[in-house]
Amino acid sequence: MRGLLLRWLRHTAVVRLAEAGVSTLGIAAVTGHAPKTVETILERYHVRTKKAARRAFTARLDAEAAEAEKNK
């Protein structure tokens, strides 16, 4: 593919691994990025994925349900 940069594929790998629940250090070990670079990539790209938004919303709903159950 003309114009494709290898780093874009690595950035995609960072986001996909984060979506799978892999830790920052685990992602860095797989992709060869420094942990701080992984965090920078995720700050820029991860927050924009539907899967990340769905996971965050579900976690919030689960936390509210657990709190309500605890207060019964």
PDB file of N, CA and C in Angstrom:
ATOM      1  N   MET A   1       0.850  -1.175   0.000  1.00  0.00           N
ATOM      2  CA  MET A   1       0.000   0.000   0.000  1.00  0.00           C
ATOM      3  C   MET A   1       0.894   1.236   0.000  1.00  0.00           C
ATOM      4  N   ARG A   2       0.681   2.080  -0.916  1.00  0.00           N
ATOM      5  CA  ARG A   2       1.515   3.262  -1.078  1.00  0.00           C
ATOM      6  C   ARG A   2       1.211   4.273   0.031  1.00  0.00           C
ATOM      7  N   GLY A   3       2.265   4.793   0.641  1.00  0.00           N
ATOM      8  CA  GLY A   3       2.107   5.817   1.657  1.00  0.00           C
ATOM      9  C   GLY A   3       1.848   5.285   3.061  1.00  0.00           C
ATOM     10  N   LEU A   4       1.710   3.982   3.209  1.00  0.00           N
ATOM     11  CA  LEU A   4       1.478   3.386   4.514  1.00  0.00           C
ATOM     12  C   LEU A   4       2.771   3.395   5.322  1.00  0.00           C
ATOM     13  N   LEU A   5       2.687   3.851   6.536  1.00  0.00           N
ATOM     14  CA  LEU A   5       3.856   3.875   7.400  1.00  0.00           C
ATOM     15  C   LEU A   5       3.765   2.747   8.417  1.00  0.00           C
ATOM     16  N   LEU A   6       4.883   2.067   8.626  1.00  0.00           N
ATOM     17  CA  LEU A   6       4.925   0.958   9.565  1.00  0.00           C
ATOM     18  C   LEU A   6       4.491   1.404  10.965  1.00  0.00           C
ATOM     19  N   ARG A   7       4.824   2.632  11.353  1.00  0.00           N
ATOM     20  CA  ARG A   7       4.451   3.090  12.699  1.00  0.00           C
ATOM     21  C   ARG A   7       2.934   3.148  12.871  1.00  0.00           C
ATOM     22  N   TRP A   8       2.197   3.367  11.787  1.00  0.00           N
ATOM     23  CA  TRP A   8       0.740   3.372  11.897  1.00  0.00           C
ATOM     24  C   TRP A   8       0.233   1.998  12.306  1.00  0.00           C
ATOM     25  N   LEU A   9       0.862   0.966  11.759  1.00  0.00           N
ATOM     26  CA  LEU A   9       0.470  -0.393  12.132  1.00  0.00           C
ATOM     27  C   LEU A   9       0.789  -0.659  13.599  1.00  0.00           C
ATOM     28  N   ARG A  10       1.913  -0.155  14.055  1.00  0.00           N
ATOM     29  CA  ARG A  10       2.265  -0.314  15.473  1.00  0.00           C
ATOM     30  C   ARG A  10       1.288   0.451  16.352  1.00  0.00           C
ATOM     31  N   HIS A  11       0.873   1.640  15.930  1.00  0.00           N
ATOM     32  CA  HIS A  11      -0.118   2.400  16.703  1.00  0.00           C
ATOM     33  C   HIS A  11      -1.436   1.632  16.776  1.00  0.00           C
ATOM     34  N   THR A  12      -1.830   1.038  15.675  1.00  0.00           N
ATOM     35  CA  THR A  12      -3.045   0.225  15.653  1.00  0.00           C
ATOM     36  C   THR A  12      -2.912  -0.952  16.608  1.00  0.00           C
ATOM     37  N   ALA A  13      -1.746  -1.580  16.604  1.00  0.00           N
ATOM     38  CA  ALA A  13      -1.515  -2.696  17.520  1.00  0.00           C
ATOM     39  C   ALA A  13      -1.641  -2.242  18.970  1.00  0.00           C
ATOM     40  N   VAL A  14      -1.124  -1.066  19.288  1.00  0.00           N
ATOM     41  CA  VAL A  14      -1.230  -0.534  20.656  1.00  0.00           C
ATOM     42  C   VAL A  14      -2.696  -0.407  21.058  1.00  0.00           C
ATOM     43  N   VAL A  15      -3.499   0.181  20.206  1.00  0.00           N
ATOM     44  CA  VAL A  15      -4.913   0.378  20.518  1.00  0.00           C
ATOM     45  C   VAL A  15      -5.636  -0.958  20.652  1.00  0.00           C
ATOM     46  N   ARG A  16      -5.396  -1.874  19.738  1.00  0.00           N
ATOM     47  CA  ARG A  16      -6.081  -3.183  19.779  1.00  0.00           C
ATOM     48  C   ARG A  16      -5.684  -3.970  21.026  1.00  0.00           C
ATOM     49  N   LEU A  17      -4.422  -3.914  21.404  1.00  0.00           N
ATOM     50  CA  LEU A  17      -3.987  -4.606  22.619  1.00  0.00           C
ATOM     51  C   LEU A  17      -4.635  -3.986  23.861  1.00  0.00           C
ATOM     52  N   ALA A  18      -4.725  -2.670  23.894  1.00  0.00           N
ATOM     53  CA  ALA A  18      -5.380  -2.000  25.022  1.00  0.00           C
ATOM     54  C   ALA A  18      -6.849  -2.394  25.094  1.00  0.00           C
ATOM     55  N   GLU A  19      -7.508  -2.470  23.949  1.00  0.00           N
ATOM     56  CA  GLU A  19      -8.911  -2.890  23.916  1.00  0.00           C
ATOM     57  C   GLU A  19      -9.079  -4.310  24.437  1.00  0.00           C
ATOM     58  N   ALA A  20      -8.047  -5.123  24.267  1.00  0.00           N
ATOM     59  CA  ALA A  20      -8.090  -6.503  24.744  1.00  0.00           C
ATOM     60  C   ALA A  20      -7.769  -6.600  26.228  1.00  0.00           C
ATOM     61  N   GLY A  21      -7.431  -5.460  26.846  1.00  0.00           N
ATOM     62  CA  GLY A  21      -7.174  -5.447  28.278  1.00  0.00           C
ATOM     63  C   GLY A  21      -5.721  -5.639  28.672  1.00  0.00           C
ATOM     64  N   VAL A  22      -4.808  -5.571  27.709  1.00  0.00           N
ATOM     65  CA  VAL A  22      -3.385  -5.724  27.997  1.00  0.00           C
ATOM     66  C   VAL A  22      -2.873  -4.454  28.682  1.00  0.00           C
ATOM     67  N   SER A  23      -2.024  -4.620  29.681  1.00  0.00           N
ATOM     68  CA  SER A  23      -1.473  -3.478  30.423  1.00  0.00           C
ATOM     69  C   SER A  23      -0.520  -2.670  29.545  1.00  0.00           C
ATOM     70  N   THR A  24      -0.241  -1.452  29.991  1.00  0.00           N
ATOM     71  CA  THR A  24       0.701  -0.587  29.272  1.00  0.00           C
ATOM     72  C   THR A  24       2.065  -1.253  29.134  1.00  0.00           C
ATOM     73  N   LEU A  25       2.550  -1.866  30.215  1.00  0.00           N
ATOM     74  CA  LEU A  25       3.851  -2.539  30.150  1.00  0.00           C
ATOM     75  C   LEU A  25       3.809  -3.737  29.201  1.00  0.00           C
ATOM     76  N   GLY A  26       2.701  -4.448  29.188  1.00  0.00           N
ATOM     77  CA  GLY A  26       2.552  -5.570  28.267  1.00  0.00           C
ATOM     78  C   GLY A  26       2.542  -5.112  26.819  1.00  0.00           C
ATOM     79  N   ILE A  27       1.845  -4.024  26.561  1.00  0.00           N
ATOM     80  CA  ILE A  27       1.804  -3.471  25.201  1.00  0.00           C
ATOM     81  C   ILE A  27       3.208  -3.042  24.777  1.00  0.00           C
ATOM     82  N   ALA A  28       3.917  -2.373  25.677  1.00  0.00           N
ATOM     83  CA  ALA A  28       5.268  -1.917  25.368  1.00  0.00           C
ATOM     84  C   ALA A  28       6.181  -3.100  25.048  1.00  0.00           C
ATOM     85  N   ALA A  29       6.012  -4.190  25.774  1.00  0.00           N
ATOM     86  CA  ALA A  29       6.831  -5.380  25.531  1.00  0.00           C
ATOM     87  C   ALA A  29       6.566  -5.973  24.151  1.00  0.00           C
ATOM     88  N   VAL A  30       5.313  -5.927  23.716  1.00  0.00           N
ATOM     89  CA  VAL A  30       4.953  -6.500  22.415  1.00  0.00           C
ATOM     90  C   VAL A  30       5.380  -5.594  21.260  1.00  0.00           C
ATOM     91  N   THR A  31       5.131  -4.292  21.393  1.00  0.00           N
ATOM     92  CA  THR A  31       5.344  -3.375  20.271  1.00  0.00           C
ATOM     93  C   THR A  31       6.732  -2.754  20.221  1.00  0.00           C
ATOM     94  N   GLY A  32       7.450  -2.807  21.339  1.00  0.00           N
ATOM     95  CA  GLY A  32       8.767  -2.195  21.375  1.00  0.00           C
ATOM     96  C   GLY A  32       8.758  -0.716  21.707  1.00  0.00           C
ATOM     97  N   HIS A  33       7.584  -0.160  21.988  1.00  0.00           N
ATOM     98  CA  HIS A  33       7.494   1.238  22.408  1.00  0.00           C
ATOM     99  C   HIS A  33       7.908   1.368  23.864  1.00  0.00           C
ATOM    100  N   ALA A  34       8.324   2.563  24.257  1.00  0.00           N
ATOM    101  CA  ALA A  34       8.518   2.871  25.666  1.00  0.00           C
ATOM    102  C   ALA A  34       7.132   2.977  26.303  1.00  0.00           C
ATOM    103  N   PRO A  35       6.978   2.618  27.578  1.00  0.00           N
ATOM    104  CA  PRO A  35       5.663   2.725  28.231  1.00  0.00           C
ATOM    105  C   PRO A  35       5.041   4.123  28.102  1.00  0.00           C
ATOM    106  N   LYS A  36       5.842   5.165  28.214  1.00  0.00           N
ATOM    107  CA  LYS A  36       5.310   6.529  28.079  1.00  0.00           C
ATOM    108  C   LYS A  36       4.781   6.762  26.666  1.00  0.00           C
ATOM    109  N   THR A  37       5.434   6.210  25.675  1.00  0.00           N
ATOM    110  CA  THR A  37       4.960   6.343  24.293  1.00  0.00           C
ATOM    111  C   THR A  37       3.641   5.612  24.116  1.00  0.00           C
ATOM    112  N   VAL A  38       3.506   4.443  24.735  1.00  0.00           N
ATOM    113  CA  VAL A  38       2.231   3.711  24.687  1.00  0.00           C
ATOM    114  C   VAL A  38       1.126   4.580  25.269  1.00  0.00           C
ATOM    115  N   GLU A  39       1.398   5.210  26.411  1.00  0.00           N
ATOM    116  CA  GLU A  39       0.396   6.088  27.031  1.00  0.00           C
ATOM    117  C   GLU A  39       0.032   7.246  26.119  1.00  0.00           C
ATOM    118  N   THR A  40       1.018   7.827  25.463  1.00  0.00           N
ATOM    119  CA  THR A  40       0.763   8.939  24.538  1.00  0.00           C
ATOM    120  C   THR A  40      -0.111   8.489  23.370  1.00  0.00           C
ATOM    121  N   ILE A  41       0.200   7.334  22.809  1.00  0.00           N
ATOM    122  CA  ILE A  41      -0.600   6.801  21.700  1.00  0.00           C
ATOM    123  C   ILE A  41      -2.037   6.564  22.159  1.00  0.00           C
ATOM    124  N   LEU A  42      -2.194   5.977  23.340  1.00  0.00           N
ATOM    125  CA  LEU A  42      -3.538   5.688  23.835  1.00  0.00           C
ATOM    126  C   LEU A  42      -4.310   6.966  24.139  1.00  0.00           C
ATOM    127  N   GLU A  43      -3.624   7.979  24.655  1.00  0.00           N
ATOM    128  CA  GLU A  43      -4.298   9.262  24.904  1.00  0.00           C
ATOM    129  C   GLU A  43      -4.852   9.845  23.611  1.00  0.00           C
ATOM    130  N   ARG A  44      -4.135   9.645  22.544  1.00  0.00           N
ATOM    131  CA  ARG A  44      -4.558  10.221  21.267  1.00  0.00           C
ATOM    132  C   ARG A  44      -5.610   9.387  20.549  1.00  0.00           C
ATOM    133  N   TYR A  45      -5.467   8.067  20.557  1.00  0.00           N
ATOM    134  CA  TYR A  45      -6.314   7.225  19.719  1.00  0.00           C
ATOM    135  C   TYR A  45      -7.320   6.366  20.464  1.00  0.00           C
ATOM    136  N   HIS A  46      -6.973   5.871  21.627  1.00  0.00           N
ATOM    137  CA  HIS A  46      -7.834   4.896  22.296  1.00  0.00           C
ATOM    138  C   HIS A  46      -9.167   5.483  22.727  1.00  0.00           C
ATOM    139  N   VAL A  47      -9.172   6.720  23.171  1.00  0.00           N
ATOM    140  CA  VAL A  47     -10.412   7.320  23.662  1.00  0.00           C
ATOM    141  C   VAL A  47     -11.452   7.475  22.565  1.00  0.00           C
ATOM    142  N   ARG A  48     -11.052   7.346  21.335  1.00  0.00           N
ATOM    143  CA  ARG A  48     -11.972   7.563  20.222  1.00  0.00           C
ATOM    144  C   ARG A  48     -12.658   6.289  19.729  1.00  0.00           C
ATOM    145  N   THR A  49     -12.339   5.165  20.316  1.00  0.00           N
ATOM    146  CA  THR A  49     -12.933   3.939  19.814  1.00  0.00           C
ATOM    147  C   THR A  49     -14.262   3.654  20.496  1.00  0.00           C
ATOM    148  N   LYS A  50     -15.208   3.114  19.747  1.00  0.00           N
ATOM    149  CA  LYS A  50     -16.514   2.767  20.298  1.00  0.00           C
ATOM    150  C   LYS A  50     -16.380   1.685  21.369  1.00  0.00           C
ATOM    151  N   LYS A  51     -15.475   0.759  21.147  1.00  0.00           N
ATOM    152  CA  LYS A  51     -15.297  -0.329  22.093  1.00  0.00           C
ATOM    153  C   LYS A  51     -14.830   0.208  23.452  1.00  0.00           C
ATOM    154  N   ALA A  52     -13.932   1.171  23.454  1.00  0.00           N
ATOM    155  CA  ALA A  52     -13.448   1.765  24.698  1.00  0.00           C
ATOM    156  C   ALA A  52     -14.579   2.516  25.407  1.00  0.00           C
ATOM    157  N   ALA A  53     -15.376   3.238  24.653  1.00  0.00           N
ATOM    158  CA  ALA A  53     -16.496   3.968  25.248  1.00  0.00           C
ATOM    159  C   ALA A  53     -17.510   3.000  25.842  1.00  0.00           C
ATOM    160  N   ARG A  54     -17.791   1.919  25.139  1.00  0.00           N
ATOM    161  CA  ARG A  54     -18.735   0.918  25.631  1.00  0.00           C
ATOM    162  C   ARG A  54     -18.216   0.268  26.906  1.00  0.00           C
ATOM    163  N   ARG A  55     -16.935  -0.062  26.930  1.00  0.00           N
ATOM    164  CA  ARG A  55     -16.338  -0.679  28.120  1.00  0.00           C
ATOM    165  C   ARG A  55     -16.411   0.276  29.316  1.00  0.00           C
ATOM    166  N   ALA A  56     -16.105   1.544  29.101  1.00  0.00           N
ATOM    167  CA  ALA A  56     -16.149   2.522  30.184  1.00  0.00           C
ATOM    168  C   ALA A  56     -17.572   2.700  30.708  1.00  0.00           C
ATOM    169  N   PHE A  57     -18.537   2.778  29.812  1.00  0.00           N
ATOM    170  CA  PHE A  57     -19.927   2.958  30.221  1.00  0.00           C
ATOM    171  C   PHE A  57     -20.428   1.732  30.983  1.00  0.00           C
ATOM    172  N   THR A  58     -20.082   0.557  30.506  1.00  0.00           N
ATOM    173  CA  THR A  58     -20.482  -0.679  31.184  1.00  0.00           C
ATOM    174  C   THR A  58     -19.854  -0.759  32.569  1.00  0.00           C
ATOM    175  N   ALA A  59     -18.584  -0.371  32.679  1.00  0.00           N
ATOM    176  CA  ALA A  59     -17.916  -0.378  33.987  1.00  0.00           C
ATOM    177  C   ALA A  59     -18.614   0.568  34.955  1.00  0.00           C
ATOM    178  N   ARG A  60     -19.018   1.716  34.458  1.00  0.00           N
ATOM    179  CA  ARG A  60     -19.723   2.684  35.314  1.00  0.00           C
ATOM    180  C   ARG A  60     -21.070   2.120  35.772  1.00  0.00           C
ATOM    181  N   LEU A  61     -21.821   1.517  34.867  1.00  0.00           N
ATOM    182  CA  LEU A  61     -23.101   0.922  35.233  1.00  0.00           C
ATOM    183  C   LEU A  61     -22.920  -0.207  36.246  1.00  0.00           C
ATOM    184  N   ASP A  62     -21.892  -1.025  36.047  1.00  0.00           N
ATOM    185  CA  ASP A  62     -21.602  -2.112  36.990  1.00  0.00           C
ATOM    186  C   ASP A  62     -21.259  -1.560  38.366  1.00  0.00           C
ATOM    187  N   ALA A  63     -20.482  -0.475  38.403  1.00  0.00           N
ATOM    188  CA  ALA A  63     -20.121   0.137  39.683  1.00  0.00           C
ATOM    189  C   ALA A  63     -21.349   0.693  40.388  1.00  0.00           C
ATOM    190  N   GLU A  64     -22.245   1.316  39.659  1.00  0.00           N
ATOM    191  CA  GLU A  64     -23.469   1.841  40.250  1.00  0.00           C
ATOM    192  C   GLU A  64     -24.348   0.716  40.790  1.00  0.00           C
ATOM    193  N   ALA A  65     -24.447  -0.379  40.039  1.00  0.00           N
ATOM    194  CA  ALA A  65     -25.243  -1.524  40.492  1.00  0.00           C
ATOM    195  C   ALA A  65     -24.641  -2.135  41.748  1.00  0.00           C
ATOM    196  N   ALA A  66     -23.322  -2.250  41.804  1.00  0.00           N
ATOM    197  CA  ALA A  66     -22.665  -2.795  42.990  1.00  0.00           C
ATOM    198  C   ALA A  66     -22.876  -1.884  44.191  1.00  0.00           C
ATOM    199  N   GLU A  67     -22.818  -0.610  43.986  1.00  0.00           N
ATOM    200  CA  GLU A  67     -23.040   0.354  45.083  1.00  0.00           C
ATOM    201  C   GLU A  67     -24.476   0.271  45.583  1.00  0.00           C
ATOM    202  N   ALA A  68     -25.425   0.165  44.658  1.00  0.00           N
ATOM    203  CA  ALA A  68     -26.830   0.045  45.046  1.00  0.00           C
ATOM    204  C   ALA A  68     -27.062  -1.242  45.818  1.00  0.00           C
ATOM    205  N   GLU A  69     -26.438  -2.322  45.393  1.00  0.00           N
ATOM    206  CA  GLU A  69     -26.569  -3.624  46.080  1.00  0.00           C
ATOM    207  C   GLU A  69     -25.974  -3.549  47.481  1.00  0.00           C
ATOM    208  N   LYS A  70     -24.857  -2.851  47.604  1.00  0.00           N
ATOM    209  CA  LYS A  70     -24.190  -2.708  48.899  1.00  0.00           C
ATOM    210  C   LYS A  70     -25.045  -1.897  49.871  1.00  0.00           C
ATOM    211  N   ASN A  71     -25.797  -0.941  49.369  1.00  0.00           N
ATOM    212  CA  ASN A  71     -26.602  -0.061  50.213  1.00  0.00           C
ATOM    213  C   ASN A  71     -27.986  -0.597  50.530  1.00  0.00           C
ATOM    214  N   LYS A  72     -28.291  -1.819  50.110  1.00  0.00           N
ATOM    215  CA  LYS A  72     -29.611  -2.404  50.410  1.00  0.00           C
ATOM    216  C   LYS A  72     -29.715  -2.762  51.857  1.00  0.00           C
TER     217      LYS A  72
END
